[in-house]
Amino acid sequence: MALTDRDRSLLERCLARDSSGWRDFVDRFSGLFVHVIHHTAEARSVKLSPSDVDDLCAEIFLAFLANDFAILRRFKGESSLATYLAVISRRIVVREVISRRMAEAMGHVKSQTANVEMAHAGLNEFTRIENRELVQRMLEGLPEREANIIRQFHLEGRTYREIGERLGIPENSIGPTLARAREKLRHNLSGSIN
């Protein structure tokens, strides 16, 4: 489906920084973004609260506003605007879900009322570990099976079922293994800081 005249006009108004254009954009595509959030979370077996959905929707809108609407400026009109926005918003949601899983693995909890609460005091520099090399080094201290499960769940975003099938282990053993591995990571992390 090609770009419609309505969407072309809406896009032009947004890029021209027309405030009513941005309001119309938000009104037109909010439902699409909420649908993408729910669908992506369901596909990855992630439970979301209403505030999580609001946070993720805000992340999507912030991404579209970033760098003077850079994402919208890259749209070439080779598909419908809704299709393009759905693909981009899904990528944003997947990135955020993986980031949150990594934070949880490190003993952090992200919520609407508190940005990130630390498992141990004084670890602010570890609030968001996005450096894959650092994560890989931390995982090297774990037994191979536990590191592999942590990697697949938190870095690759796989479900318990997918991990169990890939590794040939019972699905119900994934949760306890993740809990033990997280505890070892927290212990190793706190020991290296002290």
Protein backbone atom coordinates (compact mmCIF):
# COMPACT_ATOMS: atom_id res chain seq x y z
CA MET A 1 0.00 0.00 0.00
CA ALA A 2 1.42 3.36 -1.00
CA LEU A 3 1.58 6.55 1.00
CA THR A 4 -1.82 8.25 1.06
CA ASP A 5 -2.30 11.98 0.47
CA ARG A 6 -3.62 12.31 4.02
CA ASP A 7 -0.49 10.74 5.51
CA ARG A 8 1.80 12.68 3.17
CA SER A 9 0.19 15.93 4.36
CA LEU A 10 0.42 14.82 8.01
CA LEU A 11 4.08 13.94 7.58
CA GLU A 12 4.86 17.28 5.91
CA ARG A 13 3.11 19.17 8.71
CA CYS A 14 5.11 17.31 11.36
CA LEU A 15 8.41 17.90 9.59
CA ALA A 16 7.50 21.59 9.26
CA ARG A 17 7.09 21.62 13.07
CA ASP A 18 3.40 22.43 12.86
CA SER A 19 2.13 21.79 16.41
CA SER A 20 -1.33 20.82 15.16
CA GLY A 21 0.39 18.38 12.78
CA TRP A 22 2.14 16.69 15.70
CA ARG A 23 -1.13 16.51 17.67
CA ASP A 24 -2.84 14.94 14.66
CA PHE A 25 0.08 12.49 14.30
CA VAL A 26 -0.25 11.47 17.96
CA ASP A 27 -4.02 11.09 17.64
CA ARG A 28 -3.75 9.09 14.42
CA PHE A 29 -1.02 6.62 15.46
CA SER A 30 -1.33 6.21 19.25
CA GLY A 31 -3.64 3.23 18.82
CA LEU A 32 -1.21 1.61 16.40
CA PHE A 33 1.67 2.00 18.86
CA VAL A 34 -0.36 0.55 21.74
CA HIS A 35 -1.27 -2.42 19.54
CA VAL A 36 2.40 -2.94 18.59
CA ILE A 37 3.42 -2.76 22.27
CA HIS A 38 0.86 -5.39 23.32
CA HIS A 39 1.59 -7.67 20.38
CA THR A 40 5.37 -7.48 20.90
CA ALA A 41 5.05 -8.10 24.66
CA GLU A 42 2.74 -11.05 24.08
CA ALA A 43 5.09 -12.56 21.49
CA ARG A 44 7.95 -12.31 24.00
CA SER A 45 5.91 -13.54 27.00
CA VAL A 46 6.31 -10.22 28.80
CA LYS A 47 3.61 -8.98 31.17
CA LEU A 48 3.02 -5.22 30.99
CA SER A 49 1.14 -2.98 33.37
CA PRO A 50 -0.80 0.00 32.02
CA SER A 51 2.03 2.27 33.18
CA ASP A 52 4.53 0.09 31.28
CA VAL A 53 2.43 0.54 28.13
CA ASP A 54 2.36 4.31 28.71
CA ASP A 55 6.14 4.36 29.25
CA LEU A 56 6.78 2.38 26.07
CA CYS A 57 4.41 4.58 24.08
CA ALA A 58 6.28 7.65 25.36
CA GLU A 59 9.59 6.04 24.32
CA ILE A 60 8.23 5.55 20.81
CA PHE A 61 7.08 9.16 20.52
CA LEU A 62 10.41 10.42 21.91
CA ALA A 63 12.26 8.36 19.32
CA PHE A 64 10.21 9.96 16.54
CA LEU A 65 10.92 13.44 17.92
CA ALA A 66 14.65 12.80 18.37
CA ASN A 67 17.18 14.51 16.14
CA ASP A 68 14.65 16.78 14.47
CA PHE A 69 12.28 13.95 13.44
CA ALA A 70 15.16 11.94 11.91
CA ILE A 71 13.13 8.71 11.75
CA LEU A 72 10.25 10.43 9.98
CA ARG A 73 12.67 12.16 7.60
CA ARG A 74 14.09 8.78 6.57
CA PHE A 75 10.68 7.55 5.43
CA LYS A 76 10.83 7.15 1.65
CA GLY A 77 7.13 6.60 0.99
CA GLU A 78 7.63 3.09 -0.43
CA SER A 79 5.00 1.68 1.93
CA SER A 80 2.14 3.07 3.92
CA LEU A 81 3.17 5.36 6.74
CA ALA A 82 1.42 3.06 9.23
CA THR A 83 3.49 0.07 8.08
CA TYR A 84 6.73 2.02 8.42
CA LEU A 85 5.77 3.30 11.87
CA ALA A 86 4.74 -0.19 13.03
CA VAL A 87 8.13 -1.64 12.04
CA ILE A 88 10.06 1.16 13.72
CA SER A 89 7.93 1.13 16.88
CA ARG A 90 8.33 -2.65 17.19
CA ARG A 91 12.12 -2.25 17.11
CA ILE A 92 11.91 0.38 19.84
CA VAL A 93 9.71 -1.84 22.01
CA VAL A 94 11.98 -4.87 21.54
CA ARG A 95 15.03 -2.78 22.48
CA GLU A 96 13.27 -1.47 25.59
CA VAL A 97 12.03 -4.91 26.65
CA ILE A 98 15.53 -6.35 26.31
CA SER A 99 16.98 -3.40 28.20
CA ARG A 100 14.48 -3.89 31.02
CA ARG A 101 15.20 -7.62 31.17
CA MET A 102 18.91 -6.85 31.45
CA ALA A 103 18.22 -4.38 34.24
CA GLU A 104 16.09 -6.96 36.06
CA ALA A 105 18.85 -9.52 35.67
CA MET A 106 21.21 -7.15 37.40
CA GLY A 107 18.80 -6.74 40.31
CA HIS A 108 17.20 -3.49 39.19
CA VAL A 109 13.53 -2.65 39.01
CA LYS A 110 12.20 -0.05 36.61
CA SER A 111 8.79 1.49 37.21
CA GLN A 112 6.87 4.67 36.50
CA THR A 113 7.36 6.00 40.03
CA ALA A 114 11.05 5.16 40.33
CA ASN A 115 13.51 5.26 37.45
CA VAL A 116 15.77 2.48 38.61
CA GLU A 117 16.24 1.15 42.14
CA MET A 118 19.63 -0.38 42.78
CA ALA A 119 20.06 -3.83 44.30
CA HIS A 120 23.07 -2.48 46.19
CA ALA A 121 23.74 1.11 47.27
CA GLY A 122 26.42 3.01 45.41
CA LEU A 123 26.09 1.18 42.09
CA ASN A 124 24.72 4.10 40.06
CA GLU A 125 27.22 3.57 37.27
CA PHE A 126 25.59 0.17 36.67
CA THR A 127 22.04 1.51 36.31
CA ARG A 128 21.85 0.68 32.62
CA ILE A 129 24.38 -1.79 31.32
CA GLU A 130 24.21 -1.45 27.58
CA ASN A 131 27.78 -2.44 26.86
CA ARG A 132 27.48 -5.98 25.52
CA GLU A 133 31.19 -6.65 26.06
CA LEU A 134 30.86 -5.91 29.77
CA VAL A 135 27.82 -8.17 30.01
CA GLN A 136 29.69 -10.93 28.16
CA ARG A 137 32.63 -10.62 30.60
CA MET A 138 30.25 -10.83 33.55
CA LEU A 139 28.64 -13.93 32.07
CA GLU A 140 32.04 -15.62 31.66
CA GLY A 141 32.09 -16.10 35.45
CA LEU A 142 28.98 -18.27 35.28
CA PRO A 143 28.77 -21.93 34.34
CA GLU A 144 28.19 -22.27 30.59
CA ARG A 145 24.59 -23.48 30.89
CA GLU A 146 23.56 -20.60 33.19
CA ALA A 147 25.36 -18.01 31.05
CA ASN A 148 23.68 -19.38 27.94
CA ILE A 149 20.22 -19.16 29.55
CA ILE A 150 20.86 -15.57 30.80
CA ARG A 151 22.16 -14.59 27.34
CA GLN A 152 19.17 -16.05 25.51
CA PHE A 153 16.57 -14.64 27.91
CA HIS A 154 17.97 -11.17 28.63
CA LEU A 155 20.05 -10.33 25.57
CA GLU A 156 18.18 -12.18 22.84
CA GLY A 157 14.69 -11.82 24.35
CA ARG A 158 13.75 -15.50 24.02
CA THR A 159 10.88 -17.04 25.98
CA TYR A 160 11.26 -19.92 28.44
CA ARG A 161 9.74 -22.25 25.85
CA GLU A 162 12.19 -21.15 23.14
CA ILE A 163 15.17 -21.53 25.47
CA GLY A 164 14.01 -24.98 26.61
CA GLU A 165 13.57 -26.14 23.02
CA ARG A 166 16.94 -24.74 21.90
CA LEU A 167 18.87 -26.22 24.81
CA GLY A 168 16.85 -29.43 25.20
CA ILE A 169 15.96 -28.75 28.83
CA PRO A 170 12.58 -28.63 30.60
CA GLU A 171 10.83 -25.27 30.32
CA ASN A 172 10.06 -25.27 34.06
CA SER A 173 13.78 -25.40 34.90
CA ILE A 174 14.51 -22.07 33.17
CA GLY A 175 13.06 -19.81 35.90
CA PRO A 176 14.99 -21.37 38.80
CA THR A 177 18.19 -21.43 36.71
CA LEU A 178 17.74 -17.73 35.87
CA ALA A 179 17.17 -16.91 39.55
CA ARG A 180 20.37 -18.72 40.60
CA ALA A 181 22.39 -17.12 37.81
CA ARG A 182 21.10 -13.63 38.67
CA GLU A 183 22.05 -14.16 42.31
CA LYS A 184 25.57 -15.19 41.27
CA LEU A 185 25.83 -12.13 39.03
CA ARG A 186 24.68 -9.83 41.86
CA HIS A 187 27.16 -11.47 44.23
CA ASN A 188 30.01 -11.18 41.71
CA LEU A 189 29.06 -7.58 40.94
CA SER A 190 28.93 -6.52 44.60
CA GLY A 191 32.20 -8.34 45.31
CA SER A 192 34.00 -6.53 42.50
CA ILE A 193 32.74 -3.13 43.71
CA ASN A 194 33.69 -3.57 47.38
